[in-house]
């Protein structure tokens, strides 16, 4: 096929696979709660050589955004190519097949066209009453823990903690009666002491098995591997904490809510308060702020090493030149900016994500683009890269292919990104352009209800200190016209 010839381009190592001029393999790497706090994105405090190396091999998207800043819905947008406002899948406990029983997910699309599809680690969200989506992959899912401790003191002597119960679907009606687990720990431990190390080891085994099958003329692989750190708790071996001097890590620049922001847009506490020693009101002092930031960077370095084991195996097995690799963070993460922690907002830190695409022979190594990109774009992009038909549902397909941008970083396929977050009975829908973000907060079931807006200018006010909605009405009206082109969430989610 003409579209696959590009993957036969050699980069110095001989290709052994007989499929080198056929369909490319796909390795999709998902990382939970990963913001662009990476060396390749300009963060000098990060220690992320493996992810930085991926960026040197492919294209880095500097303005990439999730479509909803929370785990389960964000993963649905990736796997369906559809916005949460198109599917109605907004919550951690949302069940894909109850709402869209016949949906064709990204791996199912590849399986229909001759791929062996496998999943390891955190791919779909499992927990909060959700069992993920076993139907999406042709092989049984390799599951491991999300919340994990090695130090008994972290769990009051080995007790089941609140978050452990939620992520294992235990005692869901008794969560408040359970103890809080520690927000961080740093024991002397091996990488495989925690789930991400074990997931990396199993992924390497799967790649070796795939290489053997490919040598016998078997089908190409589509492997999705999901890593959980830097998701809370910040449990990582001590050596990764030692890689960072806490005094040198970046502290929040603006710790206040944006002036004149509507109350519905704001949050305190939430997920972070489920961990000790965080105060129940979410008001975190400077010392604990620094410790939590240290934990985030240590956890990111730990997961970077696990990713390096997987990508290094690709090279050792001679699969580099015939494998598309995508690195994706499911959403960003507040580290005390705006006085907010974790995700669950429509602000920049919760919604900007890293996306790196390595497409051998197509994307120029080390290339960078300022094209605005969304999570939903990866489904059509990977389909086109593999020479497959464009996805057609039956779920709505909201993404656009980024292949023109991979060929030419200056090409443009969209002029804005779209995302949403529900809160307080309202839905906040957002338009993000290169300079601005408009957020509309509206209760769509109430035609006469109050509608509130936020406008942020990232050229003059990058830290979101002020809602500029009143002062910049011309810009607001322009962005409202873009937003009006999106179908009503209420209409699109009725079935």
Protein backbone atom coordinates (compact mmCIF):
# COMPACT_ATOMS: atom_id res chain seq x y z
CA UNK A 1 0.00 0.00 0.00
CA UNK A 2 1.31 3.39 -0.96
CA UNK A 3 0.52 4.89 2.43
CA UNK A 4 2.77 2.41 4.20
CA UNK A 5 5.88 2.76 2.07
CA UNK A 6 7.16 5.49 4.36
CA UNK A 7 7.58 3.00 7.18
CA UNK A 8 10.14 1.03 5.20
CA UNK A 9 12.64 3.87 5.44
CA UNK A 10 15.77 2.70 7.21
CA UNK A 11 17.50 4.71 9.90
CA UNK A 12 20.68 2.69 10.17
CA UNK A 13 19.45 -0.67 11.52
CA UNK A 14 18.42 -3.50 9.21
CA UNK A 15 14.76 -4.41 9.42
CA UNK A 16 14.16 -8.08 10.08
CA UNK A 17 10.36 -8.04 10.16
CA UNK A 18 8.74 -9.25 6.92
CA UNK A 19 6.05 -6.60 7.52
CA UNK A 20 8.50 -3.71 7.22
CA UNK A 21 6.87 -2.64 3.96
CA UNK A 22 3.36 -3.60 5.13
CA UNK A 23 1.22 -2.27 7.92
CA UNK A 24 3.21 -0.61 10.72
CA UNK A 25 2.96 -1.75 14.33
CA UNK A 26 1.55 0.68 16.89
CA UNK A 27 2.73 1.26 20.46
CA UNK A 28 0.44 3.62 22.35
CA UNK A 29 1.89 4.81 25.67
CA UNK A 30 -0.57 6.35 28.14
CA UNK A 31 0.57 8.16 31.28
CA UNK A 32 -1.85 9.11 34.05
CA UNK A 33 -1.89 12.72 35.31
CA UNK A 34 1.12 13.67 33.17
CA UNK A 35 1.36 17.37 32.39
CA UNK A 36 4.11 18.70 30.09
CA UNK A 37 6.56 18.83 33.03
CA UNK A 38 9.18 17.21 30.82
CA UNK A 39 12.62 18.23 29.71
CA UNK A 40 11.58 18.18 26.05
CA UNK A 41 8.82 20.69 26.87
CA UNK A 42 11.33 23.07 28.42
CA UNK A 43 11.04 22.13 32.10
CA UNK A 44 14.60 22.40 33.40
CA UNK A 45 13.71 20.70 36.68
CA UNK A 46 12.42 17.53 34.99
CA UNK A 47 14.55 14.41 34.71
CA UNK A 48 12.87 12.65 31.81
CA UNK A 49 15.53 11.37 29.38
CA UNK A 50 13.39 8.56 27.94
CA UNK A 51 10.44 10.76 26.99
CA UNK A 52 12.86 13.44 25.80
CA UNK A 53 14.44 10.83 23.51
CA UNK A 54 11.02 10.04 22.04
CA UNK A 55 10.57 13.72 21.24
CA UNK A 56 13.92 13.73 19.44
CA UNK A 57 12.69 10.85 17.28
CA UNK A 58 9.33 12.34 16.37
CA UNK A 59 7.06 15.38 16.64
CA UNK A 60 6.20 17.24 19.82
CA UNK A 61 2.82 18.97 19.98
CA UNK A 62 3.25 22.07 22.11
CA UNK A 63 -0.43 23.02 22.22
CA UNK A 64 -2.15 19.69 22.85
CA UNK A 65 -5.23 19.47 25.08
CA UNK A 66 -7.35 16.78 26.65
CA UNK A 67 -11.11 16.94 26.09
CA UNK A 68 -12.04 16.52 29.76
CA UNK A 69 -9.64 16.74 32.69
CA UNK A 70 -10.43 13.54 34.55
CA UNK A 71 -9.23 9.96 33.98
CA UNK A 72 -12.19 7.90 32.74
CA UNK A 73 -13.80 10.45 30.40
CA UNK A 74 -10.42 11.47 28.98
CA UNK A 75 -9.66 7.84 28.11
CA UNK A 76 -13.07 7.46 26.52
CA UNK A 77 -12.34 10.45 24.28
CA UNK A 78 -9.07 8.82 23.22
CA UNK A 79 -10.58 5.42 22.52
CA UNK A 80 -13.77 6.72 20.85
CA UNK A 81 -12.47 9.77 19.00
CA UNK A 82 -15.50 11.55 20.45
CA UNK A 83 -15.93 14.43 22.91
CA UNK A 84 -17.58 13.68 26.24
CA UNK A 85 -20.24 16.19 25.24
CA UNK A 86 -20.97 13.99 22.21
CA UNK A 87 -21.18 10.71 24.12
CA UNK A 88 -22.49 11.73 27.56
CA UNK A 89 -19.60 9.90 29.24
CA UNK A 90 -18.61 12.46 31.86
CA UNK A 91 -17.95 10.50 35.04
CA UNK A 92 -15.48 8.09 36.64
CA UNK A 93 -18.27 5.56 36.94
CA UNK A 94 -19.51 5.95 33.35
CA UNK A 95 -20.02 2.61 31.59
CA UNK A 96 -19.16 2.73 27.91
CA UNK A 97 -21.26 -0.21 26.76
CA UNK A 98 -24.37 0.88 28.63
CA UNK A 99 -24.36 4.18 26.76
CA UNK A 100 -22.79 3.11 23.45
CA UNK A 101 -23.15 -0.69 23.25
CA UNK A 102 -22.02 -0.87 19.62
CA UNK A 103 -19.21 1.69 19.78
CA UNK A 104 -16.08 0.80 17.83
CA UNK A 105 -13.06 1.83 19.85
CA UNK A 106 -9.61 2.64 18.52
CA UNK A 107 -8.18 -0.86 19.16
CA UNK A 108 -11.35 -2.50 17.81
CA UNK A 109 -10.93 -0.49 14.60
CA UNK A 110 -7.39 -1.81 14.24
CA UNK A 111 -8.47 -5.37 15.07
CA UNK A 112 -11.09 -5.19 12.29
CA UNK A 113 -8.25 -4.52 9.87
CA UNK A 114 -5.93 -7.33 10.84
CA UNK A 115 -4.15 -6.19 14.00
CA UNK A 116 -3.52 -8.17 17.17
CA UNK A 117 -4.53 -5.76 19.96
CA UNK A 118 -3.25 -5.97 23.53
CA UNK A 119 -3.50 -3.78 26.63
CA UNK A 120 -1.45 -3.53 29.80
CA UNK A 121 -1.67 -1.36 32.90
CA UNK A 122 -4.06 1.56 33.16
CA UNK A 123 -5.80 1.91 29.81
CA UNK A 124 -9.52 2.28 30.44
CA UNK A 125 -10.37 3.47 33.94
CA UNK A 126 -11.10 0.59 36.34
CA UNK A 127 -12.55 1.60 39.69
CA UNK A 128 -15.35 3.74 41.12
CA UNK A 129 -17.74 1.00 39.98
CA UNK A 130 -16.26 0.90 36.47
CA UNK A 131 -14.79 -2.30 35.01
CA UNK A 132 -13.20 -0.70 31.95
CA UNK A 133 -13.96 -2.19 28.54
CA UNK A 134 -12.68 -5.77 28.08
CA UNK A 135 -14.33 -5.91 24.64
CA UNK A 136 -11.89 -3.38 23.20
CA UNK A 137 -8.89 -5.72 22.95
CA UNK A 138 -8.43 -9.10 21.34
CA UNK A 139 -6.35 -10.41 24.25
CA UNK A 140 -7.13 -10.41 28.00
CA UNK A 141 -6.08 -7.20 29.73
CA UNK A 142 -2.96 -7.24 31.92
CA UNK A 143 -4.19 -5.40 35.00
CA UNK A 144 -2.21 -4.07 37.96
CA UNK A 145 -2.66 -1.61 40.81
CA UNK A 146 -3.17 2.14 40.61
CA UNK A 147 -3.04 2.94 44.32
CA UNK A 148 -0.09 1.12 45.87
CA UNK A 149 2.06 1.33 49.01
CA UNK A 150 5.09 -0.60 50.24
CA UNK A 151 5.52 1.14 53.61
CA UNK A 152 2.96 -0.10 56.21
CA UNK A 153 2.99 3.36 57.82
CA UNK A 154 1.41 4.72 54.65
CA UNK A 155 -1.74 2.68 55.31
CA UNK A 156 -2.01 2.81 59.11
CA UNK A 157 -0.41 -0.61 59.37
CA UNK A 158 -1.78 -2.27 56.25
CA UNK A 159 -5.41 -1.17 56.35
CA UNK A 160 -7.52 -0.74 53.21
CA UNK A 161 -7.48 2.98 52.41
CA UNK A 162 -10.14 5.10 50.74
CA UNK A 163 -8.48 5.38 47.36
CA UNK A 164 -7.40 1.72 47.34
CA UNK A 165 -11.04 0.77 47.86
CA UNK A 166 -12.28 3.08 45.10
CA UNK A 167 -9.79 1.81 42.54
CA UNK A 168 -10.49 -1.84 43.34
CA UNK A 169 -14.28 -1.50 43.56
CA UNK A 170 -14.36 -2.48 47.23
CA UNK A 171 -16.63 -1.06 49.95
CA UNK A 172 -17.86 1.68 47.62
CA UNK A 173 -20.63 2.58 50.02
CA UNK A 174 -18.25 2.90 52.98
CA UNK A 175 -15.44 5.06 51.60
CA UNK A 176 -15.66 7.81 54.24
CA UNK A 177 -15.30 5.24 57.02
CA UNK A 178 -11.93 4.06 55.70
CA UNK A 179 -8.55 5.61 56.60
CA UNK A 180 -6.71 7.97 54.30
CA UNK A 181 -3.53 6.65 52.71
CA UNK A 182 -0.30 8.64 52.51
CA UNK A 183 0.06 11.18 49.71
CA UNK A 184 3.65 10.03 49.13
CA UNK A 185 6.27 7.48 50.13
CA UNK A 186 9.86 6.87 49.08
CA UNK A 187 11.07 3.44 50.23
CA UNK A 188 14.26 1.77 49.09
CA UNK A 189 12.70 -0.53 46.52
CA UNK A 190 13.15 -2.01 43.07
CA UNK A 191 11.28 -0.57 40.10
CA UNK A 192 9.13 -3.70 39.98
CA UNK A 193 8.09 -3.11 43.58
CA UNK A 194 5.41 -0.86 42.10
CA UNK A 195 2.94 -1.58 39.32
CA UNK A 196 4.57 0.52 36.63
CA UNK A 197 7.77 -1.49 36.88
CA UNK A 198 5.84 -4.73 36.50
CA UNK A 199 3.82 -3.36 33.59
CA UNK A 200 7.04 -2.32 31.83
CA UNK A 201 8.52 -5.80 32.32
CA UNK A 202 5.41 -7.48 30.93
CA UNK A 203 5.31 -5.08 27.97
CA UNK A 204 8.88 -6.01 27.06
CA UNK A 205 7.85 -9.68 27.16
CA UNK A 206 4.90 -8.91 24.89
CA UNK A 207 7.17 -7.11 22.43
CA UNK A 208 9.55 -10.08 22.33
CA UNK A 209 6.62 -12.43 21.67
CA UNK A 210 5.34 -10.08 18.96
CA UNK A 211 8.74 -10.09 17.29
CA UNK A 212 8.68 -13.88 17.14
CA UNK A 213 5.19 -13.87 15.62
CA UNK A 214 6.15 -11.23 13.07
CA UNK A 215 9.13 -13.31 12.00
CA UNK A 216 6.65 -16.09 11.16
CA UNK A 217 4.47 -13.78 9.11
CA UNK A 218 1.86 -13.06 11.78
CA UNK A 219 -0.28 -9.92 12.00
CA UNK A 220 1.14 -6.56 13.16
CA UNK A 221 0.56 -5.49 16.75
CA UNK A 222 -1.35 -2.66 18.37
CA UNK A 223 -0.16 -2.55 21.98
CA UNK A 224 -1.50 -0.03 24.47
CA UNK A 225 0.47 0.28 27.69
CA UNK A 226 -0.74 2.52 30.51
CA UNK A 227 1.42 3.79 33.37
CA UNK A 228 -0.12 5.17 36.57
CA UNK A 229 2.52 7.46 38.05
CA UNK A 230 2.54 10.41 38.54
CA UNK A 231 -1.03 9.74 39.71
CA UNK A 232 -1.42 10.03 43.48
CA UNK A 233 -0.09 8.67 45.75
CA UNK A 234 3.42 9.69 44.80
CA UNK A 235 4.80 6.24 45.56
CA UNK A 236 8.20 5.82 43.93
CA UNK A 237 11.52 4.24 44.92
CA UNK A 238 13.83 6.51 46.89
CA UNK A 239 16.40 6.74 44.10
CA UNK A 240 13.93 8.77 42.01
CA UNK A 241 13.27 11.18 44.86
CA UNK A 242 17.04 11.57 45.20
CA UNK A 243 17.28 12.69 41.57
CA UNK A 244 15.62 16.00 42.54
CA UNK A 245 16.68 18.75 44.93
CA UNK A 246 13.37 19.97 46.40
CA UNK A 247 14.82 23.46 46.82
CA UNK A 248 15.31 23.68 43.06
CA UNK A 249 11.83 22.59 42.04
CA UNK A 250 9.38 25.21 40.71
CA UNK A 251 6.83 26.48 43.21
CA UNK A 252 3.44 27.96 42.19
CA UNK A 253 3.67 31.46 40.73
CA UNK A 254 0.04 32.46 41.25
CA UNK A 255 -1.72 30.79 44.20
CA UNK A 256 -4.96 32.80 44.03
CA UNK A 257 -8.16 32.08 42.12
CA UNK A 258 -8.55 34.18 38.97
CA UNK A 259 -10.12 37.51 39.86
CA UNK A 260 -13.80 37.73 38.84
CA UNK A 261 -14.00 34.03 37.95
CA UNK A 262 -17.44 32.48 38.52
CA UNK A 263 -17.69 30.35 41.64
CA UNK A 264 -18.74 27.28 39.64
CA UNK A 265 -15.32 27.22 37.93
CA UNK A 266 -13.33 26.97 41.15
CA UNK A 267 -12.31 24.11 43.43
CA UNK A 268 -10.52 23.40 46.68
CA UNK A 269 -9.60 20.05 48.12
CA UNK A 270 -11.19 17.23 46.17
CA UNK A 271 -9.01 14.22 45.32
CA UNK A 272 -5.93 15.58 47.11
CA UNK A 273 -7.80 15.65 50.44
CA UNK A 274 -8.23 11.85 50.29
CA UNK A 275 -4.57 11.54 51.27
CA UNK A 276 -2.78 12.30 54.53
CA UNK A 277 -1.37 14.70 55.70
CA UNK A 278 -3.32 17.02 53.40
CA UNK A 279 -5.78 19.19 55.36
CA UNK A 280 -9.43 18.34 54.72
CA UNK A 281 -10.10 21.86 53.42
CA UNK A 282 -7.36 21.54 50.80
CA UNK A 283 -5.45 24.57 52.10
CA UNK A 284 -1.86 23.40 51.71
CA UNK A 285 1.08 25.29 53.20
CA UNK A 286 4.45 25.93 51.58
CA UNK A 287 6.30 23.01 53.19
CA UNK A 288 3.71 20.44 52.12
CA UNK A 289 3.44 22.10 48.70
CA UNK A 290 7.16 21.57 48.15
CA UNK A 291 6.93 17.95 49.33
CA UNK A 292 4.03 17.20 46.97
CA UNK A 293 5.80 18.85 44.04
CA UNK A 294 8.88 16.80 44.87
CA UNK A 295 6.71 13.68 44.79
CA UNK A 296 5.24 14.59 41.42
CA UNK A 297 8.64 15.11 39.81
CA UNK A 298 10.06 11.94 41.41
CA UNK A 299 7.09 9.92 40.19
CA UNK A 300 7.50 11.34 36.69
CA UNK A 301 11.17 10.35 36.68
CA UNK A 302 10.21 6.86 37.83
CA UNK A 303 7.67 6.39 35.05
CA UNK A 304 10.12 7.84 32.53
CA UNK A 305 12.55 5.04 33.36
CA UNK A 306 9.82 2.43 32.82
CA UNK A 307 8.95 3.98 29.45
CA UNK A 308 12.63 3.85 28.58
CA UNK A 309 12.70 0.09 29.19
CA UNK A 310 9.87 -0.36 26.71
CA UNK A 311 11.22 1.93 24.01
CA UNK A 312 14.71 0.49 24.39
CA UNK A 313 13.26 -2.98 23.79
CA UNK A 314 11.82 -1.75 20.50
CA UNK A 315 15.31 -0.89 19.36
CA UNK A 316 16.90 -4.09 20.61
CA UNK A 317 14.26 -6.13 18.77
CA UNK A 318 14.68 -4.28 15.49
CA UNK A 319 11.14 -2.90 15.62
CA UNK A 320 11.90 0.82 15.73
CA UNK A 321 11.60 1.56 12.02
CA UNK A 322 8.30 -0.24 11.60
CA UNK A 323 6.47 0.92 14.74
CA UNK A 324 4.47 4.09 15.29
CA UNK A 325 4.88 5.28 18.87
CA UNK A 326 2.55 7.76 20.58
CA UNK A 327 3.11 9.22 24.05
CA UNK A 328 -0.04 10.73 25.57
CA UNK A 329 -0.89 12.20 28.96
CA UNK A 330 -4.56 11.77 29.83
CA UNK A 331 -4.80 15.30 31.29
CA UNK A 332 -2.72 17.88 33.08
CA UNK A 333 -2.40 18.48 36.81
CA UNK A 334 -2.53 21.50 39.10
CA UNK A 335 0.48 21.71 41.42
CA UNK A 336 -0.82 24.47 43.66
CA UNK A 337 -1.29 27.04 40.89
CA UNK A 338 -4.47 29.05 41.47
CA UNK A 339 -4.44 27.38 44.89
CA UNK A 340 -5.73 24.22 43.15
CA UNK A 341 -4.44 20.64 43.21
CA UNK A 342 -5.00 17.72 40.83
CA UNK A 343 -7.31 18.13 37.79
CA UNK A 344 -11.11 18.56 37.44
CA UNK A 345 -11.05 22.13 36.07
CA UNK A 346 -11.14 23.94 32.74
CA UNK A 347 -7.90 25.81 33.44
CA UNK A 348 -4.65 25.51 31.50
CA UNK A 349 -2.71 23.38 33.95
CA UNK A 350 -5.43 20.72 34.06
CA UNK A 351 -6.04 20.53 30.32
CA UNK A 352 -2.72 20.97 28.51
CA UNK A 353 -1.08 17.62 27.87
CA UNK A 354 1.99 16.16 26.21
CA UNK A 355 1.50 14.45 22.87
CA UNK A 356 4.52 13.08 21.04
CA UNK A 357 4.12 11.11 17.81
CA UNK A 358 6.94 9.05 16.33
CA UNK A 359 6.04 8.10 12.75
CA UNK A 360 9.21 6.74 11.10
CA UNK A 361 9.85 8.13 7.66
CA UNK A 362 7.04 10.68 7.95
CA UNK A 363 7.45 12.96 10.97
CA UNK A 364 10.85 14.63 10.92
CA UNK A 365 12.87 13.69 14.01
CA UNK A 366 12.96 16.45 16.60
CA UNK A 367 10.17 18.44 14.98
CA UNK A 368 7.84 20.71 16.94
CA UNK A 369 4.47 22.18 16.07
CA UNK A 370 2.20 24.81 17.58
CA UNK A 371 -0.84 23.22 15.91
CA UNK A 372 -3.64 23.00 18.43
CA UNK A 373 -4.41 19.32 18.96
CA UNK A 374 -6.97 17.35 20.93
CA UNK A 375 -7.03 13.85 22.35
CA UNK A 376 -9.84 12.91 19.94
CA UNK A 377 -7.49 13.58 17.01
CA UNK A 378 -5.35 10.52 17.74
CA UNK A 379 -7.95 7.98 16.54
CA UNK A 380 -8.17 9.35 12.96
CA UNK A 381 -4.45 10.16 12.95
CA UNK A 382 -3.35 6.63 13.79
CA UNK A 383 -5.86 5.19 11.33
CA UNK A 384 -4.43 7.26 8.50
CA UNK A 385 -0.83 6.54 9.48
CA UNK A 386 -1.56 2.81 9.33
CA UNK A 387 -3.34 3.08 5.99
CA UNK A 388 -6.70 2.09 7.49
CA UNK A 389 -10.11 3.55 6.62
CA UNK A 390 -11.08 6.61 8.64
CA UNK A 391 -13.13 5.76 11.74
CA UNK A 392 -16.89 6.06 11.24
CA UNK A 393 -18.45 5.18 14.57
CA UNK A 394 -21.33 4.45 15.25
CA UNK A 395 -20.28 6.92 17.95
CA UNK A 396 -19.69 10.49 16.72
CA UNK A 397 -16.14 11.06 15.47
CA UNK A 398 -15.02 14.52 16.54
CA UNK A 399 -11.30 14.20 15.87
CA UNK A 400 -9.38 15.27 12.76
CA UNK A 401 -6.27 13.64 11.39
CA UNK A 402 -2.99 15.31 12.28
CA UNK A 403 -1.08 13.59 9.47
CA UNK A 404 -0.75 16.83 7.43
CA UNK A 405 0.93 18.37 10.47
CA UNK A 406 3.24 15.38 10.93
CA UNK A 407 4.36 15.91 7.34
CA UNK A 408 4.69 19.68 7.76
CA UNK A 409 4.76 21.26 11.27
CA UNK A 410 3.47 24.51 9.78
CA UNK A 411 0.33 22.94 8.33
CA UNK A 412 -2.97 23.67 10.10
CA UNK A 413 -6.00 21.39 10.42
CA UNK A 414 -7.88 23.27 13.16
CA UNK A 415 -7.72 26.77 14.68
CA UNK A 416 -8.84 25.89 18.20
CA UNK A 417 -9.13 23.07 20.72
CA UNK A 418 -12.33 22.16 22.56
CA UNK A 419 -12.79 20.72 26.02
CA UNK A 420 -15.40 20.57 28.76
CA UNK A 421 -15.93 19.89 32.43
CA UNK A 422 -19.20 19.53 34.39
CA UNK A 423 -19.49 21.10 37.84
CA UNK A 424 -22.25 22.24 40.17
CA UNK A 425 -25.07 21.22 37.83
CA UNK A 426 -23.56 23.21 34.96
CA UNK A 427 -21.38 22.25 32.04
CA UNK A 428 -18.30 24.33 31.33
CA UNK A 429 -17.48 24.14 27.62
CA UNK A 430 -14.23 25.73 26.48
CA UNK A 431 -12.63 26.99 23.29
CA UNK A 432 -8.83 27.33 23.41
CA UNK A 433 -7.08 29.25 20.64
CA UNK A 434 -3.36 30.00 20.53
CA UNK A 435 -3.96 33.11 22.63
CA UNK A 436 -7.29 32.79 24.43
CA UNK A 437 -9.58 30.43 26.31
CA UNK A 438 -13.30 31.08 26.54
CA UNK A 439 -15.33 29.00 28.99
CA UNK A 440 -19.14 28.99 28.97
CA UNK A 441 -20.84 27.71 32.13
CA UNK A 442 -24.42 26.73 31.40
CA UNK A 443 -27.15 24.39 32.61
CA UNK A 444 -28.32 23.08 29.26
CA UNK A 445 -31.59 21.69 30.61
CA UNK A 446 -32.64 25.20 31.70
CA UNK A 447 -33.13 27.52 28.74
CA UNK A 448 -33.66 30.51 31.05
CA UNK A 449 -30.82 29.73 33.41
CA UNK A 450 -27.91 32.04 34.08
CA UNK A 451 -24.93 31.64 31.75
CA UNK A 452 -21.49 32.66 33.01
CA UNK A 453 -18.29 33.18 31.04
CA UNK A 454 -14.56 33.20 31.58
CA UNK A 455 -11.95 34.59 29.19
CA UNK A 456 -8.20 34.20 29.69
CA UNK A 457 -5.48 35.85 27.65
CA UNK A 458 -2.31 33.72 27.66
CA UNK A 459 -0.25 36.37 25.91
CA UNK A 460 -0.73 39.08 28.53
CA UNK A 461 -1.81 36.97 31.52
CA UNK A 462 -0.33 33.44 31.26
CA UNK A 463 -1.03 32.59 34.92
CA UNK A 464 -4.77 33.24 34.70
CA UNK A 465 -4.85 35.98 37.33
CA UNK A 466 -7.90 37.71 35.84
CA UNK A 467 -11.11 36.75 34.06
CA UNK A 468 -11.14 39.18 31.10
CA UNK A 469 -14.70 38.43 30.02
CA UNK A 470 -16.01 41.93 30.67
CA UNK A 471 -13.00 43.82 29.35
CA UNK A 472 -12.66 41.96 26.02
CA UNK A 473 -16.18 41.62 24.69
CA UNK A 474 -15.17 41.55 21.02
CA UNK A 475 -12.97 38.53 21.64
CA UNK A 476 -15.69 36.89 23.70
CA UNK A 477 -18.25 37.30 20.90
CA UNK A 478 -15.85 35.87 18.33
CA UNK A 479 -15.18 32.78 20.44
CA UNK A 480 -18.86 32.38 21.32
CA UNK A 481 -19.58 32.04 17.59
CA UNK A 482 -17.09 29.18 17.40
CA UNK A 483 -18.63 27.52 20.44
CA UNK A 484 -22.12 27.86 18.98
CA UNK A 485 -21.13 25.57 16.11
CA UNK A 486 -20.87 22.64 18.53
CA UNK A 487 -24.15 20.74 18.92
CA UNK A 488 -25.97 21.03 22.23
CA UNK A 489 -24.64 18.43 24.65
CA UNK A 490 -28.19 17.68 25.75
CA UNK A 491 -29.27 16.91 22.18
CA UNK A 492 -26.23 14.82 21.33
CA UNK A 493 -26.42 12.63 24.45
CA UNK A 494 -30.08 11.60 24.13
CA UNK A 495 -30.46 8.03 22.87
